[in-house]
Amino acid sequence: MLERSVRLQEFREDWLQTFADFMHLWSTLQDWSPIEYILQLDQPIQFWTLWMSKTRGVTIPSVFQVYQAIFDHLEMQISKL
């Protein structure tokens, strides 16, 4: 849902210009920064979830590999903080 919101950002701006009553819903670039960070943080989780949903024979070793990749990504993001 957040990804869709970022993609539709320019259309939302046009919509808000047309319907001025909803101008309080306007978001600044500063408001979008945390959303983009969350999407970046969530990218591997989304990738592996889609991969596992398309795979018929998910095995324990592949699940461990997926968890390791996700945890490595999260640890790398934590170290950047």
N, C-alpha and C. Protein backbone atom coordinates (compact mmCIF):
# COMPACT_ATOMS: atom_id res chain seq x y z
N MET A 1 0.82 -1.18 0.00
CA MET A 1 0.00 0.00 0.00
C MET A 1 0.87 1.25 0.00
N LEU A 2 1.95 1.22 0.76
CA LEU A 2 2.86 2.36 0.77
C LEU A 2 3.53 2.54 -0.60
N GLU A 3 3.89 1.42 -1.20
CA GLU A 3 4.51 1.47 -2.52
C GLU A 3 3.57 2.10 -3.54
N ARG A 4 2.34 1.73 -3.48
CA ARG A 4 1.33 2.28 -4.39
C ARG A 4 1.15 3.78 -4.14
N SER A 5 1.18 4.17 -2.90
CA SER A 5 1.03 5.58 -2.55
C SER A 5 2.18 6.41 -3.11
N VAL A 6 3.39 5.87 -3.03
CA VAL A 6 4.55 6.59 -3.57
C VAL A 6 4.44 6.71 -5.09
N ARG A 7 4.01 5.62 -5.75
CA ARG A 7 3.86 5.65 -7.20
C ARG A 7 2.79 6.64 -7.65
N LEU A 8 1.74 6.78 -6.86
CA LEU A 8 0.62 7.65 -7.24
C LEU A 8 0.75 9.07 -6.69
N GLN A 9 1.91 9.40 -6.17
CA GLN A 9 2.10 10.70 -5.53
C GLN A 9 1.79 11.86 -6.46
N GLU A 10 2.27 11.84 -7.69
CA GLU A 10 2.03 12.95 -8.60
C GLU A 10 0.55 13.08 -8.97
N PHE A 11 -0.15 11.96 -9.08
CA PHE A 11 -1.58 12.01 -9.39
C PHE A 11 -2.38 12.54 -8.20
N ARG A 12 -1.90 12.22 -7.01
CA ARG A 12 -2.57 12.72 -5.82
C ARG A 12 -2.45 14.23 -5.72
N GLU A 13 -1.29 14.75 -6.12
CA GLU A 13 -1.10 16.19 -6.13
C GLU A 13 -2.10 16.87 -7.06
N ASP A 14 -2.29 16.29 -8.25
CA ASP A 14 -3.28 16.84 -9.19
C ASP A 14 -4.68 16.76 -8.61
N TRP A 15 -4.98 15.64 -7.97
CA TRP A 15 -6.30 15.45 -7.38
C TRP A 15 -6.56 16.47 -6.28
N LEU A 16 -5.55 16.71 -5.45
CA LEU A 16 -5.71 17.67 -4.37
C LEU A 16 -5.85 19.10 -4.89
N GLN A 17 -5.27 19.40 -6.02
CA GLN A 17 -5.45 20.72 -6.62
C GLN A 17 -6.87 20.88 -7.15
N THR A 18 -7.45 19.79 -7.61
CA THR A 18 -8.82 19.82 -8.10
C THR A 18 -9.82 19.91 -6.96
N PHE A 19 -9.58 19.16 -5.89
CA PHE A 19 -10.46 19.13 -4.73
C PHE A 19 -9.77 19.81 -3.55
N ALA A 20 -9.86 21.10 -3.50
CA ALA A 20 -9.13 21.90 -2.51
C ALA A 20 -9.60 21.63 -1.07
N ASP A 21 -10.80 21.08 -0.90
CA ASP A 21 -11.30 20.78 0.45
C ASP A 21 -10.42 19.76 1.17
N PHE A 22 -9.70 18.96 0.41
CA PHE A 22 -8.86 17.91 0.99
C PHE A 22 -7.39 18.30 1.04
N MET A 23 -7.10 19.58 0.95
CA MET A 23 -5.73 20.05 0.94
C MET A 23 -4.96 19.69 2.22
N HIS A 24 -5.67 19.45 3.31
CA HIS A 24 -4.99 19.05 4.55
C HIS A 24 -4.33 17.68 4.43
N LEU A 25 -4.62 16.95 3.36
CA LEU A 25 -4.00 15.65 3.13
C LEU A 25 -2.68 15.78 2.38
N TRP A 26 -2.29 16.99 2.05
CA TRP A 26 -1.04 17.23 1.31
C TRP A 26 0.15 16.76 2.14
N SER A 27 1.09 16.08 1.50
CA SER A 27 2.29 15.60 2.18
C SER A 27 3.51 16.30 1.60
N THR A 28 4.41 16.67 2.47
CA THR A 28 5.65 17.31 2.03
C THR A 28 6.70 16.24 1.73
N LEU A 29 7.82 16.66 1.16
CA LEU A 29 8.92 15.72 0.91
C LEU A 29 9.44 15.14 2.21
N GLN A 30 9.38 15.92 3.26
CA GLN A 30 9.82 15.45 4.57
C GLN A 30 8.91 14.33 5.08
N ASP A 31 7.64 14.38 4.74
CA ASP A 31 6.70 13.32 5.13
C ASP A 31 6.97 12.02 4.37
N TRP A 32 7.48 12.13 3.15
CA TRP A 32 7.70 10.94 2.32
C TRP A 32 8.99 10.23 2.67
N SER A 33 9.91 10.88 3.30
CA SER A 33 11.20 10.28 3.62
C SER A 33 11.08 9.01 4.48
N PRO A 34 10.31 9.03 5.58
CA PRO A 34 10.17 7.78 6.36
C PRO A 34 9.48 6.66 5.58
N ILE A 35 8.56 7.02 4.72
CA ILE A 35 7.86 5.99 3.93
C ILE A 35 8.84 5.32 2.97
N GLU A 36 9.68 6.11 2.33
CA GLU A 36 10.67 5.53 1.42
C GLU A 36 11.68 4.67 2.18
N TYR A 37 12.02 5.06 3.40
CA TYR A 37 12.93 4.25 4.22
C TYR A 37 12.28 2.91 4.57
N ILE A 38 11.02 2.93 4.94
CA ILE A 38 10.31 1.69 5.26
C ILE A 38 10.25 0.77 4.05
N LEU A 39 10.00 1.34 2.88
CA LEU A 39 9.96 0.53 1.66
C LEU A 39 11.32 -0.09 1.36
N GLN A 40 12.39 0.67 1.58
CA GLN A 40 13.73 0.14 1.38
C GLN A 40 14.03 -0.98 2.37
N LEU A 41 13.60 -0.79 3.59
CA LEU A 41 13.81 -1.79 4.63
C LEU A 41 13.03 -3.07 4.35
N ASP A 42 11.86 -2.91 3.77
CA ASP A 42 10.95 -4.03 3.53
C ASP A 42 11.22 -4.77 2.22
N GLN A 43 12.06 -4.24 1.37
CA GLN A 43 12.26 -4.82 0.04
C GLN A 43 12.66 -6.29 0.06
N PRO A 44 13.67 -6.71 0.83
CA PRO A 44 14.02 -8.14 0.83
C PRO A 44 12.90 -9.04 1.37
N ILE A 45 12.18 -8.55 2.36
CA ILE A 45 11.08 -9.35 2.91
C ILE A 45 10.01 -9.56 1.85
N GLN A 46 9.71 -8.51 1.11
CA GLN A 46 8.73 -8.62 0.03
C GLN A 46 9.23 -9.57 -1.06
N PHE A 47 10.50 -9.45 -1.44
CA PHE A 47 11.07 -10.31 -2.47
C PHE A 47 10.98 -11.78 -2.08
N TRP A 48 11.46 -12.10 -0.86
CA TRP A 48 11.48 -13.50 -0.43
C TRP A 48 10.07 -14.05 -0.21
N THR A 49 9.15 -13.22 0.23
CA THR A 49 7.77 -13.67 0.41
C THR A 49 7.17 -14.05 -0.94
N LEU A 50 7.39 -13.21 -1.95
CA LEU A 50 6.88 -13.53 -3.29
C LEU A 50 7.57 -14.78 -3.85
N TRP A 51 8.88 -14.90 -3.62
CA TRP A 51 9.62 -16.06 -4.11
C TRP A 51 9.09 -17.34 -3.49
N MET A 52 8.87 -17.33 -2.18
CA MET A 52 8.39 -18.53 -1.50
C MET A 52 6.96 -18.88 -1.89
N SER A 53 6.15 -17.86 -2.18
CA SER A 53 4.77 -18.15 -2.57
C SER A 53 4.69 -18.77 -3.96
N LYS A 54 5.71 -18.54 -4.80
CA LYS A 54 5.72 -19.11 -6.16
C LYS A 54 6.43 -20.45 -6.23
N THR A 55 7.14 -20.82 -5.17
CA THR A 55 7.90 -22.06 -5.14
C THR A 55 7.03 -23.17 -4.57
N ARG A 56 7.01 -24.29 -5.26
CA ARG A 56 6.17 -25.40 -4.79
C ARG A 56 6.84 -26.21 -3.69
N GLY A 57 8.12 -26.45 -3.85
CA GLY A 57 8.80 -27.33 -2.91
C GLY A 57 9.70 -26.55 -1.96
N VAL A 58 9.12 -25.81 -1.06
CA VAL A 58 9.92 -25.07 -0.09
C VAL A 58 10.45 -26.06 0.93
N THR A 59 11.77 -26.04 1.11
CA THR A 59 12.41 -26.96 2.04
C THR A 59 12.97 -26.19 3.23
N ILE A 60 13.26 -26.92 4.28
CA ILE A 60 13.84 -26.29 5.48
C ILE A 60 15.15 -25.57 5.16
N PRO A 61 16.07 -26.16 4.39
CA PRO A 61 17.30 -25.42 4.07
C PRO A 61 17.03 -24.10 3.32
N SER A 62 16.06 -24.10 2.43
CA SER A 62 15.77 -22.86 1.71
C SER A 62 15.15 -21.83 2.65
N VAL A 63 14.34 -22.28 3.61
CA VAL A 63 13.76 -21.36 4.59
C VAL A 63 14.86 -20.74 5.44
N PHE A 64 15.83 -21.55 5.87
CA PHE A 64 16.95 -21.02 6.65
C PHE A 64 17.75 -20.00 5.85
N GLN A 65 17.94 -20.28 4.57
CA GLN A 65 18.66 -19.35 3.71
C GLN A 65 17.90 -18.03 3.58
N VAL A 66 16.59 -18.10 3.44
CA VAL A 66 15.77 -16.90 3.34
C VAL A 66 15.85 -16.10 4.63
N TYR A 67 15.68 -16.76 5.76
CA TYR A 67 15.76 -16.05 7.04
C TYR A 67 17.14 -15.41 7.23
N GLN A 68 18.19 -16.12 6.84
CA GLN A 68 19.53 -15.57 6.98
C GLN A 68 19.69 -14.32 6.12
N ALA A 69 19.18 -14.34 4.90
CA ALA A 69 19.27 -13.18 4.02
C ALA A 69 18.50 -11.99 4.60
N ILE A 70 17.32 -12.26 5.15
CA ILE A 70 16.52 -11.18 5.74
C ILE A 70 17.21 -10.62 6.98
N PHE A 71 17.70 -11.49 7.85
CA PHE A 71 18.37 -11.01 9.06
C PHE A 71 19.66 -10.25 8.73
N ASP A 72 20.39 -10.72 7.71
CA ASP A 72 21.60 -9.99 7.30
C ASP A 72 21.25 -8.58 6.83
N HIS A 73 20.18 -8.48 6.06
CA HIS A 73 19.73 -7.17 5.58
C HIS A 73 19.33 -6.28 6.76
N LEU A 74 18.57 -6.82 7.70
CA LEU A 74 18.15 -6.03 8.85
C LEU A 74 19.34 -5.60 9.72
N GLU A 75 20.30 -6.49 9.91
CA GLU A 75 21.48 -6.13 10.69
C GLU A 75 22.28 -5.04 9.99
N MET A 76 22.37 -5.11 8.65
CA MET A 76 23.07 -4.08 7.93
C MET A 76 22.37 -2.73 8.06
N GLN A 77 21.04 -2.75 8.03
CA GLN A 77 20.28 -1.51 8.19
C GLN A 77 20.43 -0.95 9.61
N ILE A 78 20.48 -1.82 10.60
CA ILE A 78 20.66 -1.38 11.99
C ILE A 78 22.05 -0.76 12.16
N SER A 79 23.05 -1.35 11.52
CA SER A 79 24.41 -0.80 11.65
C SER A 79 24.52 0.58 10.99
N LYS A 80 23.67 0.87 10.02
CA LYS A 80 23.68 2.19 9.37
C LYS A 80 23.11 3.26 10.29
N LEU A 81 22.28 2.84 11.24
CA LEU A 81 21.70 3.83 12.15
C LEU A 81 22.75 4.28 13.07
